């Protein structure tokens, strides 16, 4: 049977009379290219678990697509927010991730009464419950993780048609051997995080060669 994230954290809030419990998660902090995307999900209070919804990294692409369709049909509300490559470069990845999360929260049709966030505390978000490995321990966070990953993967696949040499249709911007070789051979695209190693190292190497 497929693993399913529990609703213990959500039910604790529902039992206190809170209805708008928001699960929040992000994807795309680690890649060398593309945006960071955050998902925000509000479950129907008291609703049963959505079978097979779990940490998006533990699911196949097909399982995530199926789960995303089910999530969008069954949750009370959901939204997405993103921060672009330029914003990541300008702000740094931590601040850009917080920006994406704030955008996702702002696009919800409700005001959060409790915020469940994957990972460690983020003081800039105000009052919230931080849950380490929350995408395995909270159904709403798992839903947010899946929706964000499906959309970001789709975006990287679309960009791959314009930049096929970098393999973004399969590596989604992460530092695979194929991706690193393409950066070394062809240089970065406008969608690369230019100040990140090894993207920046490649440019520094070229500067040394030119000066010699």
C-alpha atoms as a PDB file:
ATOM      1  CA  UNK A   1       0.000   0.000   0.000  1.00  0.00           C
ATOM      2  CA  UNK A   2       1.269   3.476  -0.865  1.00  0.00           C
ATOM      3  CA  UNK A   3       2.488   5.622   2.009  1.00  0.00           C
ATOM      4  CA  UNK A   4       0.224   8.505   2.977  1.00  0.00           C
ATOM      5  CA  UNK A   5       1.145  11.496   5.128  1.00  0.00           C
ATOM      6  CA  UNK A   6      -0.953  11.738   8.327  1.00  0.00           C
ATOM      7  CA  UNK A   7      -3.162  14.631   9.426  1.00  0.00           C
ATOM      8  CA  UNK A   8      -2.168  14.726  13.108  1.00  0.00           C
ATOM      9  CA  UNK A   9      -0.964  18.340  12.995  1.00  0.00           C
ATOM     10  CA  UNK A  10      -4.036  19.451  11.083  1.00  0.00           C
ATOM     11  CA  UNK A  11      -6.445  17.606  13.380  1.00  0.00           C
ATOM     12  CA  UNK A  12      -4.856  19.184  16.437  1.00  0.00           C
ATOM     13  CA  UNK A  13      -5.679  22.599  14.948  1.00  0.00           C
ATOM     14  CA  UNK A  14      -9.173  21.531  13.831  1.00  0.00           C
ATOM     15  CA  UNK A  15      -9.892  20.276  17.355  1.00  0.00           C
ATOM     16  CA  UNK A  16      -9.100  23.797  18.580  1.00  0.00           C
ATOM     17  CA  UNK A  17     -11.735  25.212  16.248  1.00  0.00           C
ATOM     18  CA  UNK A  18      -9.342  26.387  13.537  1.00  0.00           C
ATOM     19  CA  UNK A  19     -10.460  25.807   9.937  1.00  0.00           C
ATOM     20  CA  UNK A  20      -7.848  27.509   7.784  1.00  0.00           C
ATOM     21  CA  UNK A  21      -4.761  25.397   8.464  1.00  0.00           C
ATOM     22  CA  UNK A  22      -2.190  26.026   5.735  1.00  0.00           C
ATOM     23  CA  UNK A  23       0.533  23.550   4.785  1.00  0.00           C
ATOM     24  CA  UNK A  24       3.518  25.237   3.113  1.00  0.00           C
ATOM     25  CA  UNK A  25       6.506  23.780   1.295  1.00  0.00           C
ATOM     26  CA  UNK A  26       8.983  24.717  -1.426  1.00  0.00           C
ATOM     27  CA  UNK A  27      10.885  23.004  -4.218  1.00  0.00           C
ATOM     28  CA  UNK A  28      13.859  24.191  -6.219  1.00  0.00           C
ATOM     29  CA  UNK A  29      16.308  25.446  -3.589  1.00  0.00           C
ATOM     30  CA  UNK A  30      19.107  23.162  -4.761  1.00  0.00           C
ATOM     31  CA  UNK A  31      19.204  23.320  -8.590  1.00  0.00           C
ATOM     32  CA  UNK A  32      21.653  25.405 -10.617  1.00  0.00           C
ATOM     33  CA  UNK A  33      18.871  26.737 -12.847  1.00  0.00           C
ATOM     34  CA  UNK A  34      15.226  27.736 -12.705  1.00  0.00           C
ATOM     35  CA  UNK A  35      13.001  29.320 -10.075  1.00  0.00           C
ATOM     36  CA  UNK A  36      12.105  28.281  -6.567  1.00  0.00           C
ATOM     37  CA  UNK A  37       8.394  27.427  -6.243  1.00  0.00           C
ATOM     38  CA  UNK A  38       6.301  27.269  -3.071  1.00  0.00           C
ATOM     39  CA  UNK A  39       2.957  25.559  -2.589  1.00  0.00           C
ATOM     40  CA  UNK A  40       0.289  26.352  -0.004  1.00  0.00           C
ATOM     41  CA  UNK A  41      -2.620  23.989   0.702  1.00  0.00           C
ATOM     42  CA  UNK A  42      -5.649  24.138   2.988  1.00  0.00           C
ATOM     43  CA  UNK A  43      -7.416  20.826   3.590  1.00  0.00           C
ATOM     44  CA  UNK A  44     -11.145  20.475   4.144  1.00  0.00           C
ATOM     45  CA  UNK A  45     -11.433  20.326   7.958  1.00  0.00           C
ATOM     46  CA  UNK A  46     -12.006  16.757   9.064  1.00  0.00           C
ATOM     47  CA  UNK A  47     -11.598  15.369   5.569  1.00  0.00           C
ATOM     48  CA  UNK A  48     -10.079  11.892   5.236  1.00  0.00           C
ATOM     49  CA  UNK A  49      -6.504  11.477   4.054  1.00  0.00           C
ATOM     50  CA  UNK A  50      -5.772  11.505   0.337  1.00  0.00           C
ATOM     51  CA  UNK A  51      -4.245   8.086  -0.306  1.00  0.00           C
ATOM     52  CA  UNK A  52      -0.736   8.078  -1.747  1.00  0.00           C
ATOM     53  CA  UNK A  53       0.012  11.714  -0.921  1.00  0.00           C
ATOM     54  CA  UNK A  54       3.455  11.763   0.648  1.00  0.00           C
ATOM     55  CA  UNK A  55       6.847  13.457   0.311  1.00  0.00           C
ATOM     56  CA  UNK A  56       7.029  14.442  -3.377  1.00  0.00           C
ATOM     57  CA  UNK A  57      10.637  13.208  -3.590  1.00  0.00           C
ATOM     58  CA  UNK A  58       9.481   9.695  -2.683  1.00  0.00           C
ATOM     59  CA  UNK A  59       6.992   9.534  -5.572  1.00  0.00           C
ATOM     60  CA  UNK A  60       7.539   8.906  -9.254  1.00  0.00           C
ATOM     61  CA  UNK A  61       6.649  11.598 -11.783  1.00  0.00           C
ATOM     62  CA  UNK A  62       3.515   9.662 -12.738  1.00  0.00           C
ATOM     63  CA  UNK A  63       2.485   9.257  -9.099  1.00  0.00           C
ATOM     64  CA  UNK A  64       2.977  12.983  -8.509  1.00  0.00           C
ATOM     65  CA  UNK A  65       0.832  13.864 -11.536  1.00  0.00           C
ATOM     66  CA  UNK A  66      -1.953  11.570 -10.347  1.00  0.00           C
ATOM     67  CA  UNK A  67      -1.709  12.903  -6.792  1.00  0.00           C
ATOM     68  CA  UNK A  68      -1.717  16.533  -7.985  1.00  0.00           C
ATOM     69  CA  UNK A  69      -4.968  15.996  -9.868  1.00  0.00           C
ATOM     70  CA  UNK A  70      -6.543  14.421  -6.780  1.00  0.00           C
ATOM     71  CA  UNK A  71      -5.260  17.189  -4.506  1.00  0.00           C
ATOM     72  CA  UNK A  72      -6.621  20.002  -6.655  1.00  0.00           C
ATOM     73  CA  UNK A  73     -10.026  18.324  -6.746  1.00  0.00           C
ATOM     74  CA  UNK A  74     -10.310  17.588  -3.028  1.00  0.00           C
ATOM     75  CA  UNK A  75      -8.636  20.289  -0.951  1.00  0.00           C
ATOM     76  CA  UNK A  76     -10.404  23.394   0.348  1.00  0.00           C
ATOM     77  CA  UNK A  77      -7.890  25.781  -1.259  1.00  0.00           C
ATOM     78  CA  UNK A  78      -4.436  25.774  -2.833  1.00  0.00           C
ATOM     79  CA  UNK A  79      -2.046  28.247  -4.396  1.00  0.00           C
ATOM     80  CA  UNK A  80       1.495  28.597  -5.692  1.00  0.00           C
ATOM     81  CA  UNK A  81       4.150  31.281  -5.499  1.00  0.00           C
ATOM     82  CA  UNK A  82       7.554  31.543  -7.153  1.00  0.00           C
ATOM     83  CA  UNK A  83      10.747  33.549  -7.121  1.00  0.00           C
ATOM     84  CA  UNK A  84      12.648  33.875 -10.381  1.00  0.00           C
ATOM     85  CA  UNK A  85      16.307  33.188 -11.081  1.00  0.00           C
ATOM     86  CA  UNK A  86      16.954  36.939 -11.064  1.00  0.00           C
ATOM     87  CA  UNK A  87      15.302  37.274  -7.674  1.00  0.00           C
ATOM     88  CA  UNK A  88      17.353  34.370  -6.338  1.00  0.00           C
ATOM     89  CA  UNK A  89      20.532  36.085  -7.542  1.00  0.00           C
ATOM     90  CA  UNK A  90      19.489  39.467  -6.151  1.00  0.00           C
ATOM     91  CA  UNK A  91      18.135  38.332  -2.784  1.00  0.00           C
ATOM     92  CA  UNK A  92      19.976  35.005  -2.135  1.00  0.00           C
ATOM     93  CA  UNK A  93      18.203  31.645  -2.111  1.00  0.00           C
ATOM     94  CA  UNK A  94      16.916  31.869   1.459  1.00  0.00           C
ATOM     95  CA  UNK A  95      15.243  35.238   1.027  1.00  0.00           C
ATOM     96  CA  UNK A  96      13.941  34.286  -2.414  1.00  0.00           C
ATOM     97  CA  UNK A  97      12.382  31.136  -0.948  1.00  0.00           C
ATOM     98  CA  UNK A  98      10.646  33.201   1.729  1.00  0.00           C
ATOM     99  CA  UNK A  99       9.391  35.541  -1.017  1.00  0.00           C
ATOM    100  CA  UNK A 100       7.943  32.575  -2.936  1.00  0.00           C
ATOM    101  CA  UNK A 101       6.262  31.309   0.246  1.00  0.00           C
ATOM    102  CA  UNK A 102       4.768  34.713   1.012  1.00  0.00           C
ATOM    103  CA  UNK A 103       3.420  34.937  -2.531  1.00  0.00           C
ATOM    104  CA  UNK A 104       1.806  31.510  -2.189  1.00  0.00           C
ATOM    105  CA  UNK A 105       0.169  32.499   1.106  1.00  0.00           C
ATOM    106  CA  UNK A 106      -1.034  35.816  -0.325  1.00  0.00           C
ATOM    107  CA  UNK A 107      -2.744  34.048  -3.231  1.00  0.00           C
ATOM    108  CA  UNK A 108      -4.913  31.894  -0.971  1.00  0.00           C
ATOM    109  CA  UNK A 109      -8.572  32.984  -0.801  1.00  0.00           C
ATOM    110  CA  UNK A 110      -8.470  32.804   3.008  1.00  0.00           C
ATOM    111  CA  UNK A 111      -6.428  34.177   5.919  1.00  0.00           C
ATOM    112  CA  UNK A 112      -4.327  31.432   7.528  1.00  0.00           C
ATOM    113  CA  UNK A 113      -5.295  30.594  11.103  1.00  0.00           C
ATOM    114  CA  UNK A 114      -2.364  28.230  11.506  1.00  0.00           C
ATOM    115  CA  UNK A 115       0.663  27.783   9.287  1.00  0.00           C
ATOM    116  CA  UNK A 116       2.498  24.449   9.041  1.00  0.00           C
ATOM    117  CA  UNK A 117       5.909  24.804   7.373  1.00  0.00           C
ATOM    118  CA  UNK A 118       8.290  22.088   6.242  1.00  0.00           C
ATOM    119  CA  UNK A 119      11.740  22.268   7.819  1.00  0.00           C
ATOM    120  CA  UNK A 120      13.172  24.603  10.403  1.00  0.00           C
ATOM    121  CA  UNK A 121      11.603  27.802  11.705  1.00  0.00           C
ATOM    122  CA  UNK A 122      11.575  30.822   9.414  1.00  0.00           C
ATOM    123  CA  UNK A 123      11.211  33.895  11.662  1.00  0.00           C
ATOM    124  CA  UNK A 124      10.293  36.111   8.711  1.00  0.00           C
ATOM    125  CA  UNK A 125       7.031  34.203   8.249  1.00  0.00           C
ATOM    126  CA  UNK A 126       5.764  35.133  11.699  1.00  0.00           C
ATOM    127  CA  UNK A 127       3.923  32.644  13.906  1.00  0.00           C
ATOM    128  CA  UNK A 128       3.985  29.104  12.488  1.00  0.00           C
ATOM    129  CA  UNK A 129       4.666  25.476  13.300  1.00  0.00           C
ATOM    130  CA  UNK A 130       7.923  24.237  11.772  1.00  0.00           C
ATOM    131  CA  UNK A 131       8.009  20.486  11.124  1.00  0.00           C
ATOM    132  CA  UNK A 132      11.236  18.712  10.196  1.00  0.00           C
ATOM    133  CA  UNK A 133      10.444  16.322   7.326  1.00  0.00           C
ATOM    134  CA  UNK A 134       6.987  17.846   7.323  1.00  0.00           C
ATOM    135  CA  UNK A 135       6.214  16.478   3.872  1.00  0.00           C
ATOM    136  CA  UNK A 136       6.151  13.039   5.513  1.00  0.00           C
ATOM    137  CA  UNK A 137       4.366  14.074   8.713  1.00  0.00           C
ATOM    138  CA  UNK A 138       1.682  16.510   7.524  1.00  0.00           C
ATOM    139  CA  UNK A 139      -0.773  15.852   4.719  1.00  0.00           C
ATOM    140  CA  UNK A 140      -1.236  19.524   3.863  1.00  0.00           C
ATOM    141  CA  UNK A 141       2.538  20.039   3.604  1.00  0.00           C
ATOM    142  CA  UNK A 142       2.842  16.913   1.445  1.00  0.00           C
ATOM    143  CA  UNK A 143       0.105  18.263  -0.837  1.00  0.00           C
ATOM    144  CA  UNK A 144       1.914  21.599  -1.110  1.00  0.00           C
ATOM    145  CA  UNK A 145       5.172  19.819  -1.915  1.00  0.00           C
ATOM    146  CA  UNK A 146       3.574  17.781  -4.710  1.00  0.00           C
ATOM    147  CA  UNK A 147       1.774  20.714  -6.333  1.00  0.00           C
ATOM    148  CA  UNK A 148       4.920  22.850  -6.281  1.00  0.00           C
ATOM    149  CA  UNK A 149       7.104  20.112  -7.716  1.00  0.00           C
ATOM    150  CA  UNK A 150       4.696  19.196 -10.507  1.00  0.00           C
ATOM    151  CA  UNK A 151       4.505  22.815 -11.647  1.00  0.00           C
ATOM    152  CA  UNK A 152       8.248  23.449 -11.376  1.00  0.00           C
ATOM    153  CA  UNK A 153       9.071  20.224 -13.233  1.00  0.00           C
ATOM    154  CA  UNK A 154       6.653  21.210 -15.987  1.00  0.00           C
ATOM    155  CA  UNK A 155       8.325  24.604 -16.289  1.00  0.00           C
ATOM    156  CA  UNK A 156      11.800  23.060 -16.537  1.00  0.00           C
ATOM    157  CA  UNK A 157      10.556  20.625 -19.187  1.00  0.00           C
ATOM    158  CA  UNK A 158       9.212  23.583 -21.150  1.00  0.00           C
ATOM    159  CA  UNK A 159      12.539  25.425 -20.867  1.00  0.00           C
ATOM    160  CA  UNK A 160      14.304  22.253 -22.003  1.00  0.00           C
ATOM    161  CA  UNK A 161      12.743  22.631 -25.453  1.00  0.00           C
ATOM    162  CA  UNK A 162      14.649  25.927 -25.794  1.00  0.00           C
ATOM    163  CA  UNK A 163      17.861  24.695 -24.171  1.00  0.00           C
ATOM    164  CA  UNK A 164      17.949  20.940 -24.907  1.00  0.00           C
ATOM    165  CA  UNK A 165      21.678  20.517 -24.320  1.00  0.00           C
ATOM    166  CA  UNK A 166      21.351  20.949 -20.542  1.00  0.00           C
ATOM    167  CA  UNK A 167      18.990  18.013 -19.976  1.00  0.00           C
ATOM    168  CA  UNK A 168      16.452  19.964 -17.938  1.00  0.00           C
ATOM    169  CA  UNK A 169      13.672  17.649 -19.082  1.00  0.00           C
ATOM    170  CA  UNK A 170      15.229  14.970 -16.884  1.00  0.00           C
ATOM    171  CA  UNK A 171      17.478  16.718 -14.340  1.00  0.00           C
ATOM    172  CA  UNK A 172      15.137  19.707 -13.721  1.00  0.00           C
ATOM    173  CA  UNK A 173      18.137  21.994 -13.298  1.00  0.00           C
ATOM    174  CA  UNK A 174      20.042  19.913 -10.736  1.00  0.00           C
ATOM    175  CA  UNK A 175      23.791  19.364 -11.038  1.00  0.00           C
ATOM    176  CA  UNK A 176      23.930  16.089 -12.961  1.00  0.00           C
ATOM    177  CA  UNK A 177      26.975  15.109 -15.013  1.00  0.00           C
ATOM    178  CA  UNK A 178      25.208  15.980 -18.256  1.00  0.00           C
ATOM    179  CA  UNK A 179      24.170  19.377 -16.922  1.00  0.00           C
ATOM    180  CA  UNK A 180      27.638  20.226 -15.616  1.00  0.00           C
ATOM    181  CA  UNK A 181      29.253  19.161 -18.887  1.00  0.00           C
ATOM    182  CA  UNK A 182      26.865  21.388 -20.845  1.00  0.00           C
ATOM    183  CA  UNK A 183      27.624  24.380 -18.599  1.00  0.00           C
ATOM    184  CA  UNK A 184      31.367  23.836 -19.105  1.00  0.00           C
ATOM    185  CA  UNK A 185      30.969  23.447 -22.868  1.00  0.00           C
ATOM    186  CA  UNK A 186      28.299  26.044 -23.644  1.00  0.00           C
ATOM    187  CA  UNK A 187      28.240  28.385 -20.674  1.00  0.00           C
ATOM    188  CA  UNK A 188      25.224  29.428 -18.600  1.00  0.00           C
ATOM    189  CA  UNK A 189      21.812  30.447 -19.925  1.00  0.00           C
ATOM    190  CA  UNK A 190      19.715  33.356 -18.593  1.00  0.00           C
ATOM    191  CA  UNK A 191      17.946  30.779 -16.410  1.00  0.00           C
ATOM    192  CA  UNK A 192      21.111  29.687 -14.590  1.00  0.00           C
ATOM    193  CA  UNK A 193      21.978  30.982 -11.138  1.00  0.00           C
ATOM    194  CA  UNK A 194      25.138  32.646 -12.393  1.00  0.00           C
ATOM    195  CA  UNK A 195      26.796  33.288  -9.021  1.00  0.00           C
ATOM    196  CA  UNK A 196      26.401  29.693  -7.887  1.00  0.00           C
ATOM    197  CA  UNK A 197      29.221  27.194  -7.977  1.00  0.00           C
ATOM    198  CA  UNK A 198      29.953  25.504 -10.384  1.00  0.00           C
ATOM    199  CA  UNK A 199      28.284  27.970 -12.779  1.00  0.00           C
ATOM    200  CA  UNK A 200      30.408  30.823 -11.423  1.00  0.00           C
ATOM    201  CA  UNK A 201      33.523  28.647 -11.384  1.00  0.00           C
ATOM    202  CA  UNK A 202      33.124  28.005 -15.081  1.00  0.00           C
ATOM    203  CA  UNK A 203      33.081  31.749 -15.782  1.00  0.00           C
ATOM    204  CA  UNK A 204      36.084  32.351 -13.516  1.00  0.00           C
ATOM    205  CA  UNK A 205      37.987  29.627 -15.368  1.00  0.00           C
ATOM    206  CA  UNK A 206      37.246  31.318 -18.696  1.00  0.00           C
ATOM    207  CA  UNK A 207      38.482  34.675 -17.338  1.00  0.00           C
ATOM    208  CA  UNK A 208      41.795  33.100 -16.350  1.00  0.00           C
ATOM    209  CA  UNK A 209      42.209  31.552 -19.802  1.00  0.00           C
ATOM    210  CA  UNK A 210      41.459  34.870 -21.537  1.00  0.00           C
ATOM    211  CA  UNK A 211      43.930  36.786 -19.352  1.00  0.00           C
ATOM    212  CA  UNK A 212      46.670  34.296 -20.112  1.00  0.00           C
END
